[in-house]
Amino acid sequence: MIEYRDCKGHLVCMADARTGIVEIRHKDRAVRMNVPVGESFTVTLRDTVTVLTRISNWAFDVKSRTRAA
């Protein structure tokens, strides 16, 4: 699993592009999901919005921005 971080360096999730498994941990909770190739998911954390798209069996595309106030 590879760490994916937002534009401010905060850990967003851990993911494996080969299997599509993504794990998001926050405090005492964890969410695991399987993301098919071509699908995206959004994580809003603190004051950032991060969109991860599984573009192939080898990579996720990560776009992150600061949320508007």
PDB file of N, CA and C in Angstrom:
ATOM      1  N   MET A   1       0.845  -1.183   0.000  1.00  0.00           N
ATOM      2  CA  MET A   1       0.000   0.000   0.000  1.00  0.00           C
ATOM      3  C   MET A   1       0.886   1.239   0.000  1.00  0.00           C
ATOM      4  N   ILE A   2       0.435   2.234  -0.717  1.00  0.00           N
ATOM      5  CA  ILE A   2       1.167   3.488  -0.847  1.00  0.00           C
ATOM      6  C   ILE A   2       0.378   4.584  -0.135  1.00  0.00           C
ATOM      7  N   GLU A   3       1.084   5.490   0.534  1.00  0.00           N
ATOM      8  CA  GLU A   3       0.444   6.636   1.184  1.00  0.00           C
ATOM      9  C   GLU A   3       0.112   7.692   0.136  1.00  0.00           C
ATOM     10  N   TYR A   4      -1.090   8.254   0.218  1.00  0.00           N
ATOM     11  CA  TYR A   4      -1.486   9.380  -0.631  1.00  0.00           C
ATOM     12  C   TYR A   4      -1.787  10.551   0.288  1.00  0.00           C
ATOM     13  N   ARG A   5      -1.246  11.708  -0.060  1.00  0.00           N
ATOM     14  CA  ARG A   5      -1.353  12.902   0.788  1.00  0.00           C
ATOM     15  C   ARG A   5      -2.021  14.041   0.028  1.00  0.00           C
ATOM     16  N   ASP A   6      -2.625  14.968   0.792  1.00  0.00           N
ATOM     17  CA  ASP A   6      -3.270  16.129   0.180  1.00  0.00           C
ATOM     18  C   ASP A   6      -2.240  17.216  -0.105  1.00  0.00           C
ATOM     19  N   CYS A   7      -2.702  18.346  -0.600  1.00  0.00           N
ATOM     20  CA  CYS A   7      -1.813  19.441  -0.993  1.00  0.00           C
ATOM     21  C   CYS A   7      -1.078  20.069   0.188  1.00  0.00           C
ATOM     22  N   LYS A   8      -1.518  19.767   1.412  1.00  0.00           N
ATOM     23  CA  LYS A   8      -0.852  20.292   2.598  1.00  0.00           C
ATOM     24  C   LYS A   8      -0.001  19.235   3.300  1.00  0.00           C
ATOM     25  N   GLY A   9       0.105  18.063   2.694  1.00  0.00           N
ATOM     26  CA  GLY A   9       0.941  17.012   3.246  1.00  0.00           C
ATOM     27  C   GLY A   9       0.270  16.091   4.240  1.00  0.00           C
ATOM     28  N   HIS A  10      -1.039  16.247   4.458  1.00  0.00           N
ATOM     29  CA  HIS A  10      -1.764  15.376   5.384  1.00  0.00           C
ATOM     30  C   HIS A  10      -2.062  14.040   4.715  1.00  0.00           C
ATOM     31  N   LEU A  11      -1.929  12.959   5.455  1.00  0.00           N
ATOM     32  CA  LEU A  11      -2.237  11.634   4.938  1.00  0.00           C
ATOM     33  C   LEU A  11      -3.737  11.530   4.676  1.00  0.00           C
ATOM     34  N   VAL A  12      -4.089  11.183   3.435  1.00  0.00           N
ATOM     35  CA  VAL A  12      -5.498  11.036   3.059  1.00  0.00           C
ATOM     36  C   VAL A  12      -5.913   9.574   3.143  1.00  0.00           C
ATOM     37  N   CYS A  13      -5.096   8.692   2.561  1.00  0.00           N
ATOM     38  CA  CYS A  13      -5.418   7.272   2.567  1.00  0.00           C
ATOM     39  C   CYS A  13      -4.194   6.452   2.193  1.00  0.00           C
ATOM     40  N   MET A  14      -4.363   5.155   2.309  1.00  0.00           N
ATOM     41  CA  MET A  14      -3.376   4.191   1.831  1.00  0.00           C
ATOM     42  C   MET A  14      -4.090   3.421   0.727  1.00  0.00           C
ATOM     43  N   ALA A  15      -3.393   3.159  -0.381  1.00  0.00           N
ATOM     44  CA  ALA A  15      -4.055   2.474  -1.484  1.00  0.00           C
ATOM     45  C   ALA A  15      -3.087   1.598  -2.254  1.00  0.00           C
ATOM     46  N   ASP A  16      -3.655   0.567  -2.865  1.00  0.00           N
ATOM     47  CA  ASP A  16      -2.903  -0.346  -3.725  1.00  0.00           C
ATOM     48  C   ASP A  16      -3.561  -0.303  -5.100  1.00  0.00           C
ATOM     49  N   ALA A  17      -2.901   0.317  -6.062  1.00  0.00           N
ATOM     50  CA  ALA A  17      -3.481   0.476  -7.396  1.00  0.00           C
ATOM     51  C   ALA A  17      -3.677  -0.865  -8.096  1.00  0.00           C
ATOM     52  N   ARG A  18      -2.842  -1.847  -7.792  1.00  0.00           N
ATOM     53  CA  ARG A  18      -2.952  -3.149  -8.453  1.00  0.00           C
ATOM     54  C   ARG A  18      -4.269  -3.839  -8.098  1.00  0.00           C
ATOM     55  N   THR A  19      -4.646  -3.809  -6.829  1.00  0.00           N
ATOM     56  CA  THR A  19      -5.876  -4.468  -6.381  1.00  0.00           C
ATOM     57  C   THR A  19      -7.064  -3.519  -6.315  1.00  0.00           C
ATOM     58  N   GLY A  20      -6.809  -2.215  -6.233  1.00  0.00           N
ATOM     59  CA  GLY A  20      -7.875  -1.228  -6.106  1.00  0.00           C
ATOM     60  C   GLY A  20      -8.332  -1.019  -4.673  1.00  0.00           C
ATOM     61  N   ILE A  21      -7.680  -1.663  -3.722  1.00  0.00           N
ATOM     62  CA  ILE A  21      -8.079  -1.523  -2.316  1.00  0.00           C
ATOM     63  C   ILE A  21      -7.562  -0.198  -1.757  1.00  0.00           C
ATOM     64  N   VAL A  22      -8.474   0.526  -1.111  1.00  0.00           N
ATOM     65  CA  VAL A  22      -8.160   1.811  -0.497  1.00  0.00           C
ATOM     66  C   VAL A  22      -8.573   1.733   0.961  1.00  0.00           C
ATOM     67  N   GLU A  23      -7.728   2.250   1.848  1.00  0.00           N
ATOM     68  CA  GLU A  23      -8.043   2.274   3.272  1.00  0.00           C
ATOM     69  C   GLU A  23      -7.893   3.693   3.788  1.00  0.00           C
ATOM     70  N   ILE A  24      -8.950   4.174   4.434  1.00  0.00           N
ATOM     71  CA  ILE A  24      -8.947   5.502   5.033  1.00  0.00           C
ATOM     72  C   ILE A  24      -9.111   5.309   6.535  1.00  0.00           C
ATOM     73  N   ARG A  25      -8.178   5.866   7.316  1.00  0.00           N
ATOM     74  CA  ARG A  25      -8.239   5.758   8.778  1.00  0.00           C
ATOM     75  C   ARG A  25      -8.418   7.153   9.370  1.00  0.00           C
ATOM     76  N   HIS A  26      -9.288   7.225  10.358  1.00  0.00           N
ATOM     77  CA  HIS A  26      -9.485   8.473  11.087  1.00  0.00           C
ATOM     78  C   HIS A  26      -9.802   8.120  12.532  1.00  0.00           C
ATOM     79  N   LYS A  27      -8.947   8.566  13.432  1.00  0.00           N
ATOM     80  CA  LYS A  27      -9.076   8.270  14.859  1.00  0.00           C
ATOM     81  C   LYS A  27      -9.185   6.761  15.059  1.00  0.00           C
ATOM     82  N   ASP A  28     -10.303   6.275  15.595  1.00  0.00           N
ATOM     83  CA  ASP A  28     -10.428   4.843  15.874  1.00  0.00           C
ATOM     84  C   ASP A  28     -11.253   4.105  14.818  1.00  0.00           C
ATOM     85  N   ARG A  29     -11.433   4.702  13.658  1.00  0.00           N
ATOM     86  CA  ARG A  29     -12.249   4.081  12.602  1.00  0.00           C
ATOM     87  C   ARG A  29     -11.431   3.880  11.338  1.00  0.00           C
ATOM     88  N   ALA A  30     -11.800   2.868  10.591  1.00  0.00           N
ATOM     89  CA  ALA A  30     -11.145   2.607   9.310  1.00  0.00           C
ATOM     90  C   ALA A  30     -12.209   2.192   8.296  1.00  0.00           C
ATOM     91  N   VAL A  31     -12.038   2.670   7.073  1.00  0.00           N
ATOM     92  CA  VAL A  31     -12.929   2.309   5.970  1.00  0.00           C
ATOM     93  C   VAL A  31     -12.065   1.697   4.878  1.00  0.00           C
ATOM     94  N   ARG A  32     -12.465   0.531   4.403  1.00  0.00           N
ATOM     95  CA  ARG A  32     -11.775  -0.118   3.276  1.00  0.00           C
ATOM     96  C   ARG A  32     -12.766  -0.250   2.148  1.00  0.00           C
ATOM     97  N   MET A  33     -12.304   0.040   0.940  1.00  0.00           N
ATOM     98  CA  MET A  33     -13.174  -0.086  -0.222  1.00  0.00           C
ATOM     99  C   MET A  33     -12.347  -0.528  -1.417  1.00  0.00           C
ATOM    100  N   ASN A  34     -13.039  -1.005  -2.423  1.00  0.00           N
ATOM    101  CA  ASN A  34     -12.389  -1.402  -3.656  1.00  0.00           C
ATOM    102  C   ASN A  34     -12.822  -0.424  -4.739  1.00  0.00           C
ATOM    103  N   VAL A  35     -11.863   0.231  -5.379  1.00  0.00           N
ATOM    104  CA  VAL A  35     -12.156   1.235  -6.396  1.00  0.00           C
ATOM    105  C   VAL A  35     -11.806   0.661  -7.769  1.00  0.00           C
ATOM    106  N   PRO A  36     -12.800   0.510  -8.660  1.00  0.00           N
ATOM    107  CA  PRO A  36     -12.511  -0.006  -9.998  1.00  0.00           C
ATOM    108  C   PRO A  36     -11.722   1.011 -10.835  1.00  0.00           C
ATOM    109  N   VAL A  37     -11.024   0.526 -11.839  1.00  0.00           N
ATOM    110  CA  VAL A  37     -10.286   1.412 -12.756  1.00  0.00           C
ATOM    111  C   VAL A  37     -11.284   2.374 -13.396  1.00  0.00           C
ATOM    112  N   GLY A  38     -10.927   3.657 -13.418  1.00  0.00           N
ATOM    113  CA  GLY A  38     -11.780   4.688 -14.003  1.00  0.00           C
ATOM    114  C   GLY A  38     -12.698   5.376 -13.010  1.00  0.00           C
ATOM    115  N   GLU A  39     -12.821   4.841 -11.815  1.00  0.00           N
ATOM    116  CA  GLU A  39     -13.687   5.439 -10.798  1.00  0.00           C
ATOM    117  C   GLU A  39     -12.896   6.358  -9.875  1.00  0.00           C
ATOM    118  N   SER A  40     -13.616   7.303  -9.262  1.00  0.00           N
ATOM    119  CA  SER A  40     -13.019   8.293  -8.359  1.00  0.00           C
ATOM    120  C   SER A  40     -13.726   8.280  -7.018  1.00  0.00           C
ATOM    121  N   PHE A  41     -13.054   8.832  -6.026  1.00  0.00           N
ATOM    122  CA  PHE A  41     -13.690   9.095  -4.745  1.00  0.00           C
ATOM    123  C   PHE A  41     -13.079  10.370  -4.181  1.00  0.00           C
ATOM    124  N   THR A  42     -13.844  11.038  -3.320  1.00  0.00           N
ATOM    125  CA  THR A  42     -13.442  12.320  -2.761  1.00  0.00           C
ATOM    126  C   THR A  42     -13.306  12.199  -1.255  1.00  0.00           C
ATOM    127  N   VAL A  43     -12.225  12.791  -0.727  1.00  0.00           N
ATOM    128  CA  VAL A  43     -12.003  12.829   0.713  1.00  0.00           C
ATOM    129  C   VAL A  43     -11.876  14.294   1.113  1.00  0.00           C
ATOM    130  N   THR A  44     -12.724  14.730   2.048  1.00  0.00           N
ATOM    131  CA  THR A  44     -12.632  16.080   2.589  1.00  0.00           C
ATOM    132  C   THR A  44     -12.031  15.941   3.980  1.00  0.00           C
ATOM    133  N   LEU A  45     -10.884  16.565   4.165  1.00  0.00           N
ATOM    134  CA  LEU A  45     -10.155  16.443   5.419  1.00  0.00           C
ATOM    135  C   LEU A  45      -9.679  17.818   5.837  1.00  0.00           C
ATOM    136  N   ARG A  46     -10.059  18.201   7.043  1.00  0.00           N
ATOM    137  CA  ARG A  46      -9.721  19.524   7.563  1.00  0.00           C
ATOM    138  C   ARG A  46     -10.190  20.577   6.559  1.00  0.00           C
ATOM    139  N   ASP A  47      -9.277  21.304   5.938  1.00  0.00           N
ATOM    140  CA  ASP A  47      -9.666  22.355   4.997  1.00  0.00           C
ATOM    141  C   ASP A  47      -9.233  22.045   3.570  1.00  0.00           C
ATOM    142  N   THR A  48      -9.122  20.754   3.232  1.00  0.00           N
ATOM    143  CA  THR A  48      -8.750  20.374   1.869  1.00  0.00           C
ATOM    144  C   THR A  48      -9.741  19.368   1.298  1.00  0.00           C
ATOM    145  N   VAL A  49      -9.835  19.362  -0.021  1.00  0.00           N
ATOM    146  CA  VAL A  49     -10.642  18.390  -0.749  1.00  0.00           C
ATOM    147  C   VAL A  49      -9.694  17.663  -1.686  1.00  0.00           C
ATOM    148  N   THR A  50      -9.687  16.337  -1.622  1.00  0.00           N
ATOM    149  CA  THR A  50      -8.795  15.532  -2.439  1.00  0.00           C
ATOM    150  C   THR A  50      -9.623  14.524  -3.225  1.00  0.00           C
ATOM    151  N   VAL A  51      -9.406  14.482  -4.541  1.00  0.00           N
ATOM    152  CA  VAL A  51     -10.089  13.537  -5.406  1.00  0.00           C
ATOM    153  C   VAL A  51      -9.047  12.560  -5.933  1.00  0.00           C
ATOM    154  N   LEU A  52      -9.253  11.281  -5.676  1.00  0.00           N
ATOM    155  CA  LEU A  52      -8.364  10.237  -6.175  1.00  0.00           C
ATOM    156  C   LEU A  52      -9.100   9.433  -7.231  1.00  0.00           C
ATOM    157  N   THR A  53      -8.464   9.210  -8.366  1.00  0.00           N
ATOM    158  CA  THR A  53      -9.023   8.439  -9.462  1.00  0.00           C
ATOM    159  C   THR A  53      -8.074   7.292  -9.776  1.00  0.00           C
ATOM    160  N   ARG A  54      -8.593   6.095  -9.818  1.00  0.00           N
ATOM    161  CA  ARG A  54      -7.761   4.948 -10.194  1.00  0.00           C
ATOM    162  C   ARG A  54      -7.689   4.930 -11.715  1.00  0.00           C
ATOM    163  N   ILE A  55      -6.547   5.326 -12.262  1.00  0.00           N
ATOM    164  CA  ILE A  55      -6.414   5.467 -13.707  1.00  0.00           C
ATOM    165  C   ILE A  55      -5.937   4.191 -14.399  1.00  0.00           C
ATOM    166  N   SER A  56      -5.365   3.277 -13.648  1.00  0.00           N
ATOM    167  CA  SER A  56      -4.915   2.000 -14.212  1.00  0.00           C
ATOM    168  C   SER A  56      -4.634   1.040 -13.066  1.00  0.00           C
ATOM    169  N   ASN A  57      -4.142  -0.142 -13.399  1.00  0.00           N
ATOM    170  CA  ASN A  57      -3.753  -1.101 -12.362  1.00  0.00           C
ATOM    171  C   ASN A  57      -2.421  -0.744 -11.733  1.00  0.00           C
ATOM    172  N   TRP A  58      -1.851   0.377 -12.146  1.00  0.00           N
ATOM    173  CA  TRP A  58      -0.539   0.785 -11.646  1.00  0.00           C
ATOM    174  C   TRP A  58      -0.540   2.132 -10.936  1.00  0.00           C
ATOM    175  N   ALA A  59      -1.628   2.914 -11.047  1.00  0.00           N
ATOM    176  CA  ALA A  59      -1.552   4.270 -10.491  1.00  0.00           C
ATOM    177  C   ALA A  59      -2.922   4.865 -10.170  1.00  0.00           C
ATOM    178  N   PHE A  60      -2.893   5.760  -9.189  1.00  0.00           N
ATOM    179  CA  PHE A  60      -4.015   6.641  -8.880  1.00  0.00           C
ATOM    180  C   PHE A  60      -3.607   8.049  -9.283  1.00  0.00           C
ATOM    181  N   ASP A  61      -4.542   8.832  -9.790  1.00  0.00           N
ATOM    182  CA  ASP A  61      -4.322  10.253 -10.052  1.00  0.00           C
ATOM    183  C   ASP A  61      -4.889  11.002  -8.849  1.00  0.00           C
ATOM    184  N   VAL A  62      -4.116  11.937  -8.311  1.00  0.00           N
ATOM    185  CA  VAL A  62      -4.503  12.663  -7.104  1.00  0.00           C
ATOM    186  C   VAL A  62      -4.589  14.151  -7.421  1.00  0.00           C
ATOM    187  N   LYS A  63      -5.762  14.735  -7.145  1.00  0.00           N
ATOM    188  CA  LYS A  63      -5.942  16.177  -7.296  1.00  0.00           C
ATOM    189  C   LYS A  63      -6.433  16.694  -5.951  1.00  0.00           C
ATOM    190  N   SER A  64      -5.728  17.685  -5.411  1.00  0.00           N
ATOM    191  CA  SER A  64      -6.047  18.204  -4.095  1.00  0.00           C
ATOM    192  C   SER A  64      -6.062  19.721  -4.128  1.00  0.00           C
ATOM    193  N   ARG A  65      -6.997  20.299  -3.374  1.00  0.00           N
ATOM    194  CA  ARG A  65      -7.093  21.767  -3.314  1.00  0.00           C
ATOM    195  C   ARG A  65      -7.605  22.175  -1.943  1.00  0.00           C
ATOM    196  N   THR A  66      -7.358  23.419  -1.609  1.00  0.00           N
ATOM    197  CA  THR A  66      -7.886  23.981  -0.365  1.00  0.00           C
ATOM    198  C   THR A  66      -9.357  24.305  -0.559  1.00  0.00           C
ATOM    199  N   ARG A  67     -10.154  23.972   0.441  1.00  0.00           N
ATOM    200  CA  ARG A  67     -11.597  24.253   0.371  1.00  0.00           C
ATOM    201  C   ARG A  67     -11.847  25.741   0.457  1.00  0.00           C
ATOM    202  N   ALA A  68     -12.844  26.214  -0.268  1.00  0.00           N
ATOM    203  CA  ALA A  68     -13.230  27.624  -0.196  1.00  0.00           C
ATOM    204  C   ALA A  68     -13.847  27.911   1.170  1.00  0.00           C
ATOM    205  N   ALA A  69     -13.548  29.082   1.702  1.00  0.00           N
ATOM    206  CA  ALA A  69     -14.059  29.448   3.032  1.00  0.00           C
ATOM    207  C   ALA A  69     -15.496  29.809   3.014  1.00  0.00           C
TER     208      ALA A  69
END
